[in-house]
Amino acid sequence: MKILTLAMLLAGAAMAQLFPANSDGVTMGHVHLNARDVNAVKAFYTDAMGGKVVKNGATEMVAFPGVFILIRQADNPEPAGGSVVDHFGFTVKDMPGSLAKWKAMGLKIDTTNNPNEVFVWGPDGVKVEVYGIPEQPSPVQMNHIHFFISDIPGMQAWYAKMFSATAGTRDCIACLPNKVPIQVGEMAGVSLSYGRGAATLVGTKGRALDHVGFEVKNLEAFAKKLEERGAKLEAPVRTLPNSTLKVAFLTDPWGTYIELTEGLAPAK
């Protein structure tokens, strides 16, 4: 099962470190959120989801095994739902305990056909899909990003070409007992899930889930590879002021805003 395999691969990732890169030098890096109330969003991902606040220089993040959550203040961001990226997902070791905690905190929880899977709603209309995997050693870890698009083969091929995401399928956990397969792109640290959505989509930039981020080795060289593969960066690679962190941005053909980073994780 793809989800279980990914969870086991992630088990060795430390809380404030990312998973080792794939053969193309790419791994899951971060999810960047726009928030009306930064402290409320930070509390959701620490108190409810079990993340840990860390810093890389002046950049503050909430760390989970395999991903960082970055948060910035924004006025009235639109919810993630309705854009090309609908939600992202974690896996937890203790699903019954997690559910009890979320209910005690008064969080909005949507159940599914599978008692071992729920959607937990955070601030600003960002929902997090959560599966229980008792076999995983860490209490919580990154699992997937879920796109809703009409051109599933096109997106699957694009992420395979640009980021070496291995095309495949996984069972639809929420679709039990039918287990309808979902098309995916497996990357280091994350499964890209391609669900069926509308033909006309809204991009992610400016919404509550603003963009996703991939960490790459040697960003300048990788940027050249992307251009050779037909992608176009919005600006040349740059180093953030008073930092060694390098960044670049691009948008996929369906409107997903993507940040590329080199050096995002705090020093060990």
C-alpha atoms as a PDB file:
ATOM      1  CA  MET A   1       0.000   0.000   0.000  1.00  0.00           C
ATOM      2  CA  LYS A   2       1.539   3.310  -1.078  1.00  0.00           C
ATOM      3  CA  ILE A   3       0.597   5.306   2.033  1.00  0.00           C
ATOM      4  CA  LEU A   4       2.070   2.757   4.409  1.00  0.00           C
ATOM      5  CA  THR A   5       5.229   2.499   2.341  1.00  0.00           C
ATOM      6  CA  LEU A   6       5.680   6.257   2.375  1.00  0.00           C
ATOM      7  CA  ALA A   7       5.085   6.406   6.109  1.00  0.00           C
ATOM      8  CA  MET A   8       7.764   3.821   6.757  1.00  0.00           C
ATOM      9  CA  LEU A   9      10.219   5.631   4.509  1.00  0.00           C
ATOM     10  CA  LEU A  10       9.620   8.826   6.468  1.00  0.00           C
ATOM     11  CA  ALA A  11      10.119   7.188   9.850  1.00  0.00           C
ATOM     12  CA  GLY A  12      13.818   7.999   9.935  1.00  0.00           C
ATOM     13  CA  ALA A  13      13.335  11.710   9.318  1.00  0.00           C
ATOM     14  CA  ALA A  14      14.034  13.856  12.371  1.00  0.00           C
ATOM     15  CA  MET A  15      11.397  16.382  13.448  1.00  0.00           C
ATOM     16  CA  ALA A  16      13.313  19.387  12.117  1.00  0.00           C
ATOM     17  CA  GLN A  17      14.844  17.688   9.082  1.00  0.00           C
ATOM     18  CA  LEU A  18      13.588  16.739   5.650  1.00  0.00           C
ATOM     19  CA  PHE A  19      13.616  13.369   3.979  1.00  0.00           C
ATOM     20  CA  PRO A  20      16.647  12.502   1.787  1.00  0.00           C
ATOM     21  CA  ALA A  21      16.252  13.725  -1.788  1.00  0.00           C
ATOM     22  CA  ASN A  22      15.300  11.552  -4.739  1.00  0.00           C
ATOM     23  CA  SER A  23      17.610  10.827  -7.671  1.00  0.00           C
ATOM     24  CA  ASP A  24      16.827  14.266  -9.102  1.00  0.00           C
ATOM     25  CA  GLY A  25      17.931  15.994  -5.887  1.00  0.00           C
ATOM     26  CA  VAL A  26      14.355  16.880  -4.827  1.00  0.00           C
ATOM     27  CA  THR A  27      12.434  16.263  -1.612  1.00  0.00           C
ATOM     28  CA  MET A  28       9.289  17.648  -0.007  1.00  0.00           C
ATOM     29  CA  GLY A  29      10.105  20.947   1.683  1.00  0.00           C
ATOM     30  CA  HIS A  30       7.213  22.991   3.028  1.00  0.00           C
ATOM     31  CA  VAL A  31       3.630  24.183   2.848  1.00  0.00           C
ATOM     32  CA  HIS A  32       3.241  27.966   3.050  1.00  0.00           C
ATOM     33  CA  LEU A  33       0.036  29.328   4.587  1.00  0.00           C
ATOM     34  CA  ASN A  34      -1.509  32.801   4.604  1.00  0.00           C
ATOM     35  CA  ALA A  35      -3.185  33.512   7.946  1.00  0.00           C
ATOM     36  CA  ARG A  36      -5.472  36.138   9.404  1.00  0.00           C
ATOM     37  CA  ASP A  37      -4.084  35.228  12.844  1.00  0.00           C
ATOM     38  CA  VAL A  38      -0.563  33.791  12.701  1.00  0.00           C
ATOM     39  CA  ASN A  39      -0.594  32.756  16.359  1.00  0.00           C
ATOM     40  CA  ALA A  40      -3.856  30.843  15.946  1.00  0.00           C
ATOM     41  CA  VAL A  41      -2.499  28.944  12.955  1.00  0.00           C
ATOM     42  CA  LYS A  42       0.758  28.244  14.767  1.00  0.00           C
ATOM     43  CA  ALA A  43      -1.202  26.905  17.749  1.00  0.00           C
ATOM     44  CA  PHE A  44      -3.223  24.599  15.483  1.00  0.00           C
ATOM     45  CA  TYR A  45      -0.114  22.997  13.997  1.00  0.00           C
ATOM     46  CA  THR A  46       1.702  22.702  17.316  1.00  0.00           C
ATOM     47  CA  ASP A  47      -0.993  22.022  19.930  1.00  0.00           C
ATOM     48  CA  ALA A  48      -3.425  20.076  17.749  1.00  0.00           C
ATOM     49  CA  MET A  49      -1.172  18.487  15.118  1.00  0.00           C
ATOM     50  CA  GLY A  50       1.963  17.974  17.207  1.00  0.00           C
ATOM     51  CA  GLY A  51       4.517  20.072  15.316  1.00  0.00           C
ATOM     52  CA  LYS A  52       7.479  21.880  16.814  1.00  0.00           C
ATOM     53  CA  VAL A  53       8.447  25.528  16.261  1.00  0.00           C
ATOM     54  CA  VAL A  54      11.953  25.866  14.814  1.00  0.00           C
ATOM     55  CA  LYS A  55      13.957  28.657  13.195  1.00  0.00           C
ATOM     56  CA  ASN A  56      16.354  28.916  10.310  1.00  0.00           C
ATOM     57  CA  GLY A  57      17.831  32.348  10.932  1.00  0.00           C
ATOM     58  CA  ALA A  58      14.890  34.748  10.993  1.00  0.00           C
ATOM     59  CA  THR A  59      12.562  32.240   9.308  1.00  0.00           C
ATOM     60  CA  GLU A  60      10.201  30.621  11.814  1.00  0.00           C
ATOM     61  CA  MET A  61       8.522  27.337  10.886  1.00  0.00           C
ATOM     62  CA  VAL A  62       6.499  24.525  12.419  1.00  0.00           C
ATOM     63  CA  ALA A  63       8.409  21.303  11.841  1.00  0.00           C
ATOM     64  CA  PHE A  64       7.072  17.806  11.269  1.00  0.00           C
ATOM     65  CA  PRO A  65       8.984  14.761  10.058  1.00  0.00           C
ATOM     66  CA  GLY A  66       9.231  15.384   6.328  1.00  0.00           C
ATOM     67  CA  VAL A  67       7.824  18.925   6.076  1.00  0.00           C
ATOM     68  CA  PHE A  68       7.844  22.457   7.468  1.00  0.00           C
ATOM     69  CA  ILE A  69       4.769  24.661   7.763  1.00  0.00           C
ATOM     70  CA  LEU A  70       5.492  28.349   7.127  1.00  0.00           C
ATOM     71  CA  ILE A  71       2.936  30.979   8.100  1.00  0.00           C
ATOM     72  CA  ARG A  72       2.606  34.644   7.223  1.00  0.00           C
ATOM     73  CA  GLN A  73      -0.017  37.224   8.086  1.00  0.00           C
ATOM     74  CA  ALA A  74      -2.518  38.121   5.370  1.00  0.00           C
ATOM     75  CA  ASP A  75      -5.827  39.958   5.246  1.00  0.00           C
ATOM     76  CA  ASN A  76      -8.815  37.733   4.472  1.00  0.00           C
ATOM     77  CA  PRO A  77      -7.184  34.941   2.455  1.00  0.00           C
ATOM     78  CA  GLU A  78      -9.623  32.732   0.567  1.00  0.00           C
ATOM     79  CA  PRO A  79      -9.865  29.101   1.770  1.00  0.00           C
ATOM     80  CA  ALA A  80      -7.800  26.445   0.051  1.00  0.00           C
ATOM     81  CA  GLY A  81     -10.926  24.612  -1.094  1.00  0.00           C
ATOM     82  CA  GLY A  82     -11.850  25.608  -4.627  1.00  0.00           C
ATOM     83  CA  SER A  83      -8.261  25.953  -5.779  1.00  0.00           C
ATOM     84  CA  VAL A  84      -6.091  23.407  -7.557  1.00  0.00           C
ATOM     85  CA  VAL A  85      -4.635  22.258  -4.200  1.00  0.00           C
ATOM     86  CA  ASP A  86      -7.557  21.256  -2.013  1.00  0.00           C
ATOM     87  CA  HIS A  87      -5.713  20.008   1.083  1.00  0.00           C
ATOM     88  CA  PHE A  88      -2.678  18.180   2.406  1.00  0.00           C
ATOM     89  CA  GLY A  89      -2.408  15.212   4.723  1.00  0.00           C
ATOM     90  CA  PHE A  90      -0.583  13.771   7.717  1.00  0.00           C
ATOM     91  CA  THR A  91      -0.452  10.299   9.228  1.00  0.00           C
ATOM     92  CA  VAL A  92      -0.588   9.736  12.990  1.00  0.00           C
ATOM     93  CA  LYS A  93       0.424   6.792  15.137  1.00  0.00           C
ATOM     94  CA  ASP A  94      -2.407   7.070  17.674  1.00  0.00           C
ATOM     95  CA  MET A  95      -5.607   7.855  15.787  1.00  0.00           C
ATOM     96  CA  PRO A  96      -8.028   7.242  18.706  1.00  0.00           C
ATOM     97  CA  GLY A  97      -5.949   9.451  21.006  1.00  0.00           C
ATOM     98  CA  SER A  98      -5.625  12.142  18.348  1.00  0.00           C
ATOM     99  CA  LEU A  99      -9.352  12.173  17.699  1.00  0.00           C
ATOM    100  CA  ALA A 100     -10.107  12.476  21.403  1.00  0.00           C
ATOM    101  CA  LYS A 101      -7.716  15.412  21.670  1.00  0.00           C
ATOM    102  CA  TRP A 102      -9.169  17.235  18.660  1.00  0.00           C
ATOM    103  CA  LYS A 103     -12.717  16.753  19.923  1.00  0.00           C
ATOM    104  CA  ALA A 104     -11.736  18.068  23.367  1.00  0.00           C
ATOM    105  CA  MET A 105     -10.229  21.131  21.663  1.00  0.00           C
ATOM    106  CA  GLY A 106     -13.515  21.759  19.855  1.00  0.00           C
ATOM    107  CA  LEU A 107     -12.028  21.451  16.380  1.00  0.00           C
ATOM    108  CA  LYS A 108     -14.219  20.890  13.347  1.00  0.00           C
ATOM    109  CA  ILE A 109     -13.800  17.292  12.175  1.00  0.00           C
ATOM    110  CA  ASP A 110     -15.296  15.718   9.050  1.00  0.00           C
ATOM    111  CA  THR A 111     -15.546  11.937   9.113  1.00  0.00           C
ATOM    112  CA  THR A 112     -15.349   9.660   6.058  1.00  0.00           C
ATOM    113  CA  ASN A 113     -16.373   6.121   5.165  1.00  0.00           C
ATOM    114  CA  ASN A 114     -13.196   4.952   6.858  1.00  0.00           C
ATOM    115  CA  PRO A 115     -13.148   5.236  10.677  1.00  0.00           C
ATOM    116  CA  ASN A 116      -9.359   5.498  10.498  1.00  0.00           C
ATOM    117  CA  GLU A 117      -9.436   8.700   8.391  1.00  0.00           C
ATOM    118  CA  VAL A 118     -10.799  12.201   9.026  1.00  0.00           C
ATOM    119  CA  PHE A 119     -10.435  15.783   7.862  1.00  0.00           C
ATOM    120  CA  VAL A 120      -9.481  18.240  10.595  1.00  0.00           C
ATOM    121  CA  TRP A 121     -10.200  21.898   9.838  1.00  0.00           C
ATOM    122  CA  GLY A 122      -7.636  24.504  10.797  1.00  0.00           C
ATOM    123  CA  PRO A 123      -7.997  28.289  10.709  1.00  0.00           C
ATOM    124  CA  ASP A 124      -8.788  30.102   7.444  1.00  0.00           C
ATOM    125  CA  GLY A 125     -10.526  27.114   5.890  1.00  0.00           C
ATOM    126  CA  VAL A 126      -7.428  24.927   5.561  1.00  0.00           C
ATOM    127  CA  LYS A 127      -8.244  21.268   6.114  1.00  0.00           C
ATOM    128  CA  VAL A 128      -5.782  18.521   6.947  1.00  0.00           C
ATOM    129  CA  GLU A 129      -6.554  14.931   6.037  1.00  0.00           C
ATOM    130  CA  VAL A 130      -5.300  12.507   8.670  1.00  0.00           C
ATOM    131  CA  TYR A 131      -4.864   8.731   8.538  1.00  0.00           C
ATOM    132  CA  GLY A 132      -3.960   6.483  11.427  1.00  0.00           C
ATOM    133  CA  ILE A 133      -0.975   4.192  10.937  1.00  0.00           C
ATOM    134  CA  PRO A 134      -0.202   2.472  14.278  1.00  0.00           C
ATOM    135  CA  GLU A 135       2.953   0.879  12.835  1.00  0.00           C
ATOM    136  CA  GLN A 136       4.747   4.177  12.228  1.00  0.00           C
ATOM    137  CA  PRO A 137       7.329   5.071  14.892  1.00  0.00           C
ATOM    138  CA  SER A 138       6.752   8.853  14.892  1.00  0.00           C
ATOM    139  CA  PRO A 139       3.590  10.358  16.399  1.00  0.00           C
ATOM    140  CA  VAL A 140       2.855  12.401  13.238  1.00  0.00           C
ATOM    141  CA  GLN A 141       4.422  12.893   9.832  1.00  0.00           C
ATOM    142  CA  MET A 142       3.825  14.333   6.389  1.00  0.00           C
ATOM    143  CA  ASN A 143       1.925  12.166   3.917  1.00  0.00           C
ATOM    144  CA  HIS A 144       0.420  13.815   0.835  1.00  0.00           C
ATOM    145  CA  ILE A 145      -0.724  16.873  -1.121  1.00  0.00           C
ATOM    146  CA  HIS A 146      -4.096  16.487  -2.828  1.00  0.00           C
ATOM    147  CA  PHE A 147      -4.752  18.239  -6.145  1.00  0.00           C
ATOM    148  CA  PHE A 148      -8.210  18.455  -7.724  1.00  0.00           C
ATOM    149  CA  ILE A 149      -7.849  18.793 -11.502  1.00  0.00           C
ATOM    150  CA  SER A 150      -9.510  17.559 -14.711  1.00  0.00           C
ATOM    151  CA  ASP A 151      -6.297  16.708 -16.569  1.00  0.00           C
ATOM    152  CA  ILE A 152      -4.992  13.972 -14.282  1.00  0.00           C
ATOM    153  CA  PRO A 153      -2.670  12.342 -16.872  1.00  0.00           C
ATOM    154  CA  GLY A 154      -1.245  15.741 -17.785  1.00  0.00           C
ATOM    155  CA  MET A 155      -0.443  16.714 -14.215  1.00  0.00           C
ATOM    156  CA  GLN A 156       0.965  13.294 -13.405  1.00  0.00           C
ATOM    157  CA  ALA A 157       3.260  13.509 -16.437  1.00  0.00           C
ATOM    158  CA  TRP A 158       4.319  17.100 -15.656  1.00  0.00           C
ATOM    159  CA  TYR A 159       5.434  16.345 -12.094  1.00  0.00           C
ATOM    160  CA  ALA A 160       7.197  13.212 -13.296  1.00  0.00           C
ATOM    161  CA  LYS A 161       9.082  15.248 -15.890  1.00  0.00           C
ATOM    162  CA  MET A 162       9.916  18.243 -13.710  1.00  0.00           C
ATOM    163  CA  PHE A 163      10.540  16.635 -10.312  1.00  0.00           C
ATOM    164  CA  SER A 164      10.918  12.909 -11.028  1.00  0.00           C
ATOM    165  CA  ALA A 165       7.665  12.074  -9.206  1.00  0.00           C
ATOM    166  CA  THR A 166       7.103   8.372  -9.844  1.00  0.00           C
ATOM    167  CA  ALA A 167       3.696   7.777 -11.431  1.00  0.00           C
ATOM    168  CA  GLY A 168       1.497   5.167  -9.793  1.00  0.00           C
ATOM    169  CA  THR A 169      -1.738   4.590  -7.898  1.00  0.00           C
ATOM    170  CA  ARG A 170      -2.899   4.228  -4.305  1.00  0.00           C
ATOM    171  CA  ASP A 171      -6.143   3.119  -2.724  1.00  0.00           C
ATOM    172  CA  CYS A 172      -8.671   5.808  -1.884  1.00  0.00           C
ATOM    173  CA  ILE A 173      -8.882   5.519   1.909  1.00  0.00           C
ATOM    174  CA  ALA A 174     -12.117   7.518   2.042  1.00  0.00           C
ATOM    175  CA  CYS A 175     -13.687   5.334  -0.651  1.00  0.00           C
ATOM    176  CA  LEU A 176     -13.942   2.162   1.407  1.00  0.00           C
ATOM    177  CA  PRO A 177     -15.225  -0.426   0.772  1.00  0.00           C
ATOM    178  CA  ASN A 178     -14.693   0.189  -2.965  1.00  0.00           C
ATOM    179  CA  LYS A 179     -10.992   1.165  -2.746  1.00  0.00           C
ATOM    180  CA  VAL A 180     -11.111   3.240  -5.921  1.00  0.00           C
ATOM    181  CA  PRO A 181      -7.491   3.862  -6.962  1.00  0.00           C
ATOM    182  CA  ILE A 182      -6.147   7.414  -7.015  1.00  0.00           C
ATOM    183  CA  GLN A 183      -3.451   8.427  -9.479  1.00  0.00           C
ATOM    184  CA  VAL A 184      -0.341   9.663  -7.682  1.00  0.00           C
ATOM    185  CA  GLY A 185       3.201  10.911  -8.127  1.00  0.00           C
ATOM    186  CA  GLU A 186       5.497   9.520  -5.437  1.00  0.00           C
ATOM    187  CA  MET A 187       8.287  11.870  -4.351  1.00  0.00           C
ATOM    188  CA  ALA A 188      10.770  11.807  -1.522  1.00  0.00           C
ATOM    189  CA  GLY A 189       8.773  12.788   1.561  1.00  0.00           C
ATOM    190  CA  VAL A 190       5.359  13.180  -0.062  1.00  0.00           C
ATOM    191  CA  SER A 191       2.754  11.552  -2.269  1.00  0.00           C
ATOM    192  CA  LEU A 192       1.182  13.875  -4.840  1.00  0.00           C
ATOM    193  CA  SER A 193      -2.445  12.762  -5.162  1.00  0.00           C
ATOM    194  CA  TYR A 194      -4.332  13.715  -8.325  1.00  0.00           C
ATOM    195  CA  GLY A 195      -8.099  13.797  -7.769  1.00  0.00           C
ATOM    196  CA  ARG A 196     -10.789  14.560 -10.309  1.00  0.00           C
ATOM    197  CA  GLY A 197     -11.803  18.229 -10.255  1.00  0.00           C
ATOM    198  CA  ALA A 198     -13.213  21.025 -12.363  1.00  0.00           C
ATOM    199  CA  ALA A 199     -11.814  21.986 -15.752  1.00  0.00           C
ATOM    200  CA  THR A 200     -11.486  25.632 -14.702  1.00  0.00           C
ATOM    201  CA  LEU A 201      -9.395  26.075 -11.582  1.00  0.00           C
ATOM    202  CA  VAL A 202      -8.291  28.870  -9.293  1.00  0.00           C
ATOM    203  CA  GLY A 203      -4.569  29.143  -8.597  1.00  0.00           C
ATOM    204  CA  THR A 204      -3.208  28.814  -5.084  1.00  0.00           C
ATOM    205  CA  LYS A 205      -1.278  32.097  -4.862  1.00  0.00           C
ATOM    206  CA  GLY A 206      -2.855  34.453  -2.334  1.00  0.00           C
ATOM    207  CA  ARG A 207      -5.172  31.853  -0.837  1.00  0.00           C
ATOM    208  CA  ALA A 208      -4.920  30.396   2.662  1.00  0.00           C
ATOM    209  CA  LEU A 209      -2.773  27.604   1.235  1.00  0.00           C
ATOM    210  CA  ASP A 210      -0.556  29.852  -0.842  1.00  0.00           C
ATOM    211  CA  HIS A 211       2.045  27.456  -2.157  1.00  0.00           C
ATOM    212  CA  VAL A 212       3.932  24.228  -1.742  1.00  0.00           C
ATOM    213  CA  GLY A 213       7.683  24.023  -1.544  1.00  0.00           C
ATOM    214  CA  PHE A 214      10.283  21.512  -2.671  1.00  0.00           C
ATOM    215  CA  GLU A 215      13.814  21.439  -1.283  1.00  0.00           C
ATOM    216  CA  VAL A 216      16.473  20.757  -3.912  1.00  0.00           C
ATOM    217  CA  LYS A 217      20.176  20.186  -4.009  1.00  0.00           C
ATOM    218  CA  ASN A 218      22.173  22.815  -5.930  1.00  0.00           C
ATOM    219  CA  LEU A 219      19.271  25.089  -6.799  1.00  0.00           C
ATOM    220  CA  GLU A 220      21.062  26.953  -9.574  1.00  0.00           C
ATOM    221  CA  ALA A 221      21.826  23.742 -11.431  1.00  0.00           C
ATOM    222  CA  PHE A 222      18.335  22.390 -10.864  1.00  0.00           C
ATOM    223  CA  ALA A 223      16.797  25.630 -12.138  1.00  0.00           C
ATOM    224  CA  LYS A 224      18.679  25.133 -15.399  1.00  0.00           C
ATOM    225  CA  LYS A 225      17.315  21.573 -15.607  1.00  0.00           C
ATOM    226  CA  LEU A 226      13.779  22.858 -15.173  1.00  0.00           C
ATOM    227  CA  GLU A 227      14.215  25.377 -17.970  1.00  0.00           C
ATOM    228  CA  GLU A 228      15.599  22.637 -20.216  1.00  0.00           C
ATOM    229  CA  ARG A 229      12.499  20.572 -19.363  1.00  0.00           C
ATOM    230  CA  GLY A 230      10.217  23.422 -20.406  1.00  0.00           C
ATOM    231  CA  ALA A 231       9.418  25.107 -17.082  1.00  0.00           C
ATOM    232  CA  LYS A 232       9.847  28.837 -16.534  1.00  0.00           C
ATOM    233  CA  LEU A 233      10.976  30.397 -13.269  1.00  0.00           C
ATOM    234  CA  GLU A 234       9.376  33.691 -12.281  1.00  0.00           C
ATOM    235  CA  ALA A 235      12.787  35.164 -11.439  1.00  0.00           C
ATOM    236  CA  PRO A 236      16.383  33.972 -11.136  1.00  0.00           C
ATOM    237  CA  VAL A 237      17.464  32.055  -8.048  1.00  0.00           C
ATOM    238  CA  ARG A 238      18.208  34.452  -5.183  1.00  0.00           C
ATOM    239  CA  THR A 239      19.614  34.251  -1.676  1.00  0.00           C
ATOM    240  CA  LEU A 240      17.467  35.788   1.057  1.00  0.00           C
ATOM    241  CA  PRO A 241      19.016  38.800   2.850  1.00  0.00           C
ATOM    242  CA  ASN A 242      21.157  37.946   5.888  1.00  0.00           C
ATOM    243  CA  SER A 243      20.734  34.262   5.126  1.00  0.00           C
ATOM    244  CA  THR A 244      22.191  31.335   3.215  1.00  0.00           C
ATOM    245  CA  LEU A 245      18.709  30.208   2.138  1.00  0.00           C
ATOM    246  CA  LYS A 246      18.254  30.207  -1.637  1.00  0.00           C
ATOM    247  CA  VAL A 247      14.805  30.403  -3.236  1.00  0.00           C
ATOM    248  CA  ALA A 248      13.069  30.447  -6.602  1.00  0.00           C
ATOM    249  CA  PHE A 249       9.424  30.346  -7.697  1.00  0.00           C
ATOM    250  CA  LEU A 250       7.372  28.909 -10.524  1.00  0.00           C
ATOM    251  CA  THR A 251       3.745  27.997 -11.216  1.00  0.00           C
ATOM    252  CA  ASP A 252       2.615  24.695 -12.654  1.00  0.00           C
ATOM    253  CA  PRO A 253       0.284  24.705 -15.709  1.00  0.00           C
ATOM    254  CA  TRP A 254      -2.788  24.308 -13.448  1.00  0.00           C
ATOM    255  CA  GLY A 255      -2.050  27.216 -11.096  1.00  0.00           C
ATOM    256  CA  THR A 256      -0.136  25.630  -8.245  1.00  0.00           C
ATOM    257  CA  TYR A 257       2.367  28.157  -6.934  1.00  0.00           C
ATOM    258  CA  ILE A 258       5.649  26.367  -6.130  1.00  0.00           C
ATOM    259  CA  GLU A 259       8.673  27.547  -4.178  1.00  0.00           C
ATOM    260  CA  LEU A 260      12.039  25.863  -4.586  1.00  0.00           C
ATOM    261  CA  THR A 261      14.478  26.153  -1.707  1.00  0.00           C
ATOM    262  CA  GLU A 262      18.019  25.176  -0.896  1.00  0.00           C
ATOM    263  CA  GLY A 263      18.967  25.153   2.779  1.00  0.00           C
ATOM    264  CA  LEU A 264      15.508  25.415   4.374  1.00  0.00           C
ATOM    265  CA  ALA A 265      16.091  23.044   7.292  1.00  0.00           C
ATOM    266  CA  PRO A 266      17.763  24.478  10.403  1.00  0.00           C
ATOM    267  CA  ALA A 267      21.369  23.488  10.917  1.00  0.00           C
ATOM    268  CA  LYS A 268      21.740  20.292  12.902  1.00  0.00           C
END
